[in-house]
Amino acid sequence: MRRGILAVRSGLTADDLREASAALAGRALELPELARAGTVAAYVSVGSEPGTLALLDALRARGVRVLLPVLLPDNDLDWGAYEGEGSLARVRHAGRMALLEPAGERLGPDAVTAADAVLLPGLAVDARGMRLGRGGGSYDRVLERLERAGARPALVVLLYDSEVVAHVPGEPHDRPVDAVVTPSGVRRFRR
């Protein structure tokens, strides 16, 4: 399933990516969970992922504190504050594509527990709200950390329309999300 979704994404043109990014930002900014959020944990899209930079800048313009992940050697995530596109550094991790990460102070893996909403990357989400990630486990750790801390931020995955599917394979540790935002709309799930 992952290979198939990534193959479709790799066929998207620069215009497709630009249009989807603008539509996705518009839809996400309409979410009440983001409208009332003081802190949002998000990520910087890479490659053909649904674009997030316009959304990050719009959140920041609203006065929202935006936290971005920093990939650690064990695939866990540390966090740093987003201060605009100029605050990002391109970091190449062994055997992976380069990621854009915040260049400033590291806030620690537990910083995510202060977020009012967490925007999650993914490859697909199903009718139950179960998210299919890339398989590295970084966001599984984030979700586990939130659960251990008793934190209940809104969990929102950002995808293309075709990536909302009937069923994704699951593992016992998988957690459902509250909503998926695609360029054409928002779908909510019961957690």
Protein backbone atom coordinates (compact mmCIF):
# COMPACT_ATOMS: atom_id res chain seq x y z
CA MET A 1 0.00 0.00 0.00
CA ARG A 2 2.82 2.41 0.87
CA ARG A 3 4.60 1.80 -2.43
CA GLY A 4 1.40 2.39 -4.41
CA ILE A 5 0.63 5.68 -2.67
CA LEU A 6 4.20 6.90 -3.04
CA ALA A 7 4.12 6.00 -6.75
CA VAL A 8 0.98 8.11 -7.25
CA ARG A 9 2.54 11.00 -5.31
CA SER A 10 5.70 10.83 -7.43
CA GLY A 11 3.56 11.45 -10.52
CA LEU A 12 2.26 14.79 -9.23
CA THR A 13 3.46 17.89 -11.07
CA ALA A 14 4.76 21.08 -9.46
CA ASP A 15 1.42 22.71 -10.35
CA ASP A 16 -0.48 19.82 -8.70
CA LEU A 17 1.58 20.26 -5.54
CA ARG A 18 1.14 24.05 -5.47
CA GLU A 19 -2.64 23.86 -5.97
CA ALA A 20 -3.07 21.10 -3.38
CA SER A 21 -0.94 23.00 -0.86
CA ALA A 22 -3.04 26.17 -1.18
CA ALA A 23 -6.33 24.25 -0.93
CA LEU A 24 -5.08 22.18 2.00
CA ALA A 25 -4.00 25.28 3.93
CA GLY A 26 -7.37 26.90 3.33
CA ARG A 27 -9.29 23.86 4.56
CA ALA A 28 -7.06 23.33 7.60
CA LEU A 29 -7.29 26.97 8.65
CA GLU A 30 -11.10 26.61 8.81
CA LEU A 31 -10.82 23.91 11.50
CA PRO A 32 -12.09 25.13 14.88
CA GLU A 33 -9.31 23.11 16.53
CA LEU A 34 -6.72 25.26 14.78
CA ALA A 35 -8.67 28.50 15.18
CA ARG A 36 -8.54 28.24 18.97
CA ALA A 37 -5.08 26.65 19.26
CA GLY A 38 -2.28 28.46 21.04
CA THR A 39 0.29 25.82 20.10
CA VAL A 40 0.26 23.50 17.09
CA ALA A 41 2.80 20.73 16.51
CA ALA A 42 3.21 20.32 12.76
CA TYR A 43 5.87 19.30 10.24
CA VAL A 44 7.51 20.60 7.09
CA SER A 45 6.43 18.62 4.06
CA VAL A 46 9.13 17.15 1.84
CA GLY A 47 9.09 15.90 -1.71
CA SER A 48 5.57 15.20 -2.95
CA GLU A 49 3.93 15.22 0.49
CA PRO A 50 0.92 17.54 0.77
CA GLY A 51 2.51 20.97 1.20
CA THR A 52 2.56 22.54 4.65
CA LEU A 53 4.64 25.74 4.44
CA ALA A 54 1.67 27.99 3.55
CA LEU A 55 -0.24 26.53 6.49
CA LEU A 56 2.69 26.96 8.88
CA ASP A 57 3.09 30.60 7.88
CA ALA A 58 -0.64 31.28 8.20
CA LEU A 59 -0.73 29.74 11.68
CA ARG A 60 2.27 31.80 12.73
CA ALA A 61 0.63 34.96 11.32
CA ARG A 62 -2.34 34.22 13.60
CA GLY A 63 -0.02 34.25 16.59
CA VAL A 64 0.03 30.47 17.01
CA ARG A 65 3.21 28.92 18.39
CA VAL A 66 4.20 26.28 15.83
CA LEU A 67 6.44 23.40 16.89
CA LEU A 68 8.30 21.37 14.28
CA PRO A 69 10.00 18.01 14.66
CA VAL A 70 13.71 17.28 14.69
CA LEU A 71 14.47 13.66 13.84
CA LEU A 72 16.70 11.97 16.41
CA PRO A 73 19.07 9.07 15.60
CA ASP A 74 16.65 6.54 17.15
CA ASN A 75 13.72 7.86 15.01
CA ASP A 76 12.14 9.62 17.99
CA LEU A 77 11.33 13.32 17.61
CA ASP A 78 12.62 16.37 19.43
CA TRP A 79 10.88 19.71 18.77
CA GLY A 80 11.80 23.29 17.96
CA ALA A 81 9.82 26.47 17.31
CA TYR A 82 9.06 27.59 13.75
CA GLU A 83 10.11 31.21 13.23
CA GLY A 84 9.50 31.38 9.48
CA GLU A 85 10.99 29.64 6.48
CA GLY A 86 14.37 31.27 7.12
CA SER A 87 14.58 29.48 10.49
CA LEU A 88 14.73 26.07 8.83
CA ALA A 89 17.88 24.07 8.11
CA ARG A 90 18.13 21.27 5.56
CA VAL A 91 19.36 18.19 7.42
CA ARG A 92 20.27 14.91 5.75
CA HIS A 93 19.74 11.88 7.95
CA ALA A 94 21.51 8.62 7.13
CA GLY A 95 19.74 6.76 4.35
CA ARG A 96 16.88 9.26 4.06
CA MET A 97 15.90 12.30 2.10
CA ALA A 98 16.90 15.65 3.51
CA LEU A 99 14.41 17.14 5.97
CA LEU A 100 13.77 20.77 6.81
CA GLU A 101 14.06 21.16 10.58
CA PRO A 102 14.04 24.14 12.93
CA ALA A 103 17.58 25.42 13.40
CA GLY A 104 16.99 27.00 16.81
CA GLU A 105 16.75 25.74 20.36
CA ARG A 106 15.67 22.15 21.00
CA LEU A 107 12.70 21.90 23.33
CA GLY A 108 12.82 18.15 24.08
CA PRO A 109 10.62 15.24 22.99
CA ASP A 110 7.97 16.11 25.59
CA ALA A 111 7.35 19.60 24.15
CA VAL A 112 4.65 18.09 21.94
CA THR A 113 2.52 17.42 25.03
CA ALA A 114 1.80 21.18 25.27
CA ALA A 115 0.21 21.27 21.79
CA ASP A 116 -3.49 21.97 21.37
CA ALA A 117 -3.41 20.27 17.96
CA VAL A 118 -0.95 17.92 16.26
CA LEU A 119 -0.76 17.85 12.46
CA LEU A 120 0.46 14.42 11.41
CA PRO A 121 2.03 13.33 8.14
CA GLY A 122 0.74 10.13 6.62
CA LEU A 123 0.15 8.15 3.48
CA ALA A 124 -3.49 7.18 4.04
CA VAL A 125 -6.32 7.20 6.55
CA ASP A 126 -9.30 4.88 6.63
CA ALA A 127 -12.95 5.10 7.62
CA ARG A 128 -12.03 4.40 11.27
CA GLY A 129 -9.53 7.25 11.37
CA MET A 130 -6.57 4.89 11.39
CA ARG A 131 -3.50 6.51 9.81
CA LEU A 132 -0.92 4.75 7.69
CA GLY A 133 2.49 6.37 8.14
CA ARG A 134 5.77 5.71 6.39
CA GLY A 135 6.67 2.93 8.80
CA GLY A 136 9.49 4.55 10.77
CA GLY A 137 7.52 4.76 14.03
CA SER A 138 8.37 8.40 14.83
CA TYR A 139 4.77 9.52 15.11
CA ASP A 140 3.72 6.31 16.86
CA ARG A 141 6.12 7.43 19.60
CA VAL A 142 4.60 10.91 19.59
CA LEU A 143 1.09 9.48 19.99
CA GLU A 144 2.27 7.17 22.77
CA ARG A 145 3.99 10.11 24.51
CA LEU A 146 0.77 12.16 24.33
CA GLU A 147 -1.21 9.27 25.78
CA ARG A 148 1.25 8.72 28.64
CA ALA A 149 1.12 12.43 29.50
CA GLY A 150 -2.69 12.46 29.47
CA ALA A 151 -2.57 15.10 26.72
CA ARG A 152 -5.56 15.23 24.37
CA PRO A 153 -4.66 17.51 21.45
CA ALA A 154 -6.71 17.33 18.27
CA LEU A 155 -4.97 14.84 15.96
CA VAL A 156 -5.25 15.83 12.31
CA VAL A 157 -3.65 14.11 9.31
CA LEU A 158 -3.00 16.03 6.07
CA LEU A 159 -3.49 14.01 2.86
CA TYR A 160 -4.49 14.11 -0.79
CA ASP A 161 -8.10 13.22 -1.61
CA SER A 162 -7.23 9.80 -3.06
CA GLU A 163 -5.48 8.80 0.19
CA VAL A 164 -8.72 8.54 2.19
CA VAL A 165 -9.37 4.81 1.77
CA ALA A 166 -11.69 2.10 3.06
CA HIS A 167 -9.11 0.29 5.19
CA VAL A 168 -5.45 0.51 6.17
CA PRO A 169 -3.59 -2.32 7.87
CA GLY A 170 -3.17 -1.73 11.57
CA GLU A 171 -0.98 -2.73 14.48
CA PRO A 172 -2.05 -2.96 18.14
CA HIS A 173 -0.13 0.27 18.97
CA ASP A 174 -1.84 2.34 16.24
CA ARG A 175 -4.07 5.21 17.38
CA PRO A 176 -6.88 6.84 15.38
CA VAL A 177 -6.84 10.50 14.42
CA ASP A 178 -9.68 12.97 14.95
CA ALA A 179 -9.81 14.32 11.41
CA VAL A 180 -8.26 14.23 7.96
CA VAL A 181 -7.86 17.37 5.88
CA THR A 182 -7.59 17.03 2.11
CA PRO A 183 -7.64 19.70 -0.58
CA SER A 184 -11.37 19.10 -1.08
CA GLY A 185 -12.55 18.93 2.51
CA VAL A 186 -12.44 17.68 6.09
CA ARG A 187 -13.61 14.35 7.42
CA ARG A 188 -13.95 13.74 11.16
CA PHE A 189 -13.70 10.49 13.09
CA ARG A 190 -14.80 9.47 16.58
CA ARG A 191 -11.92 8.61 18.89
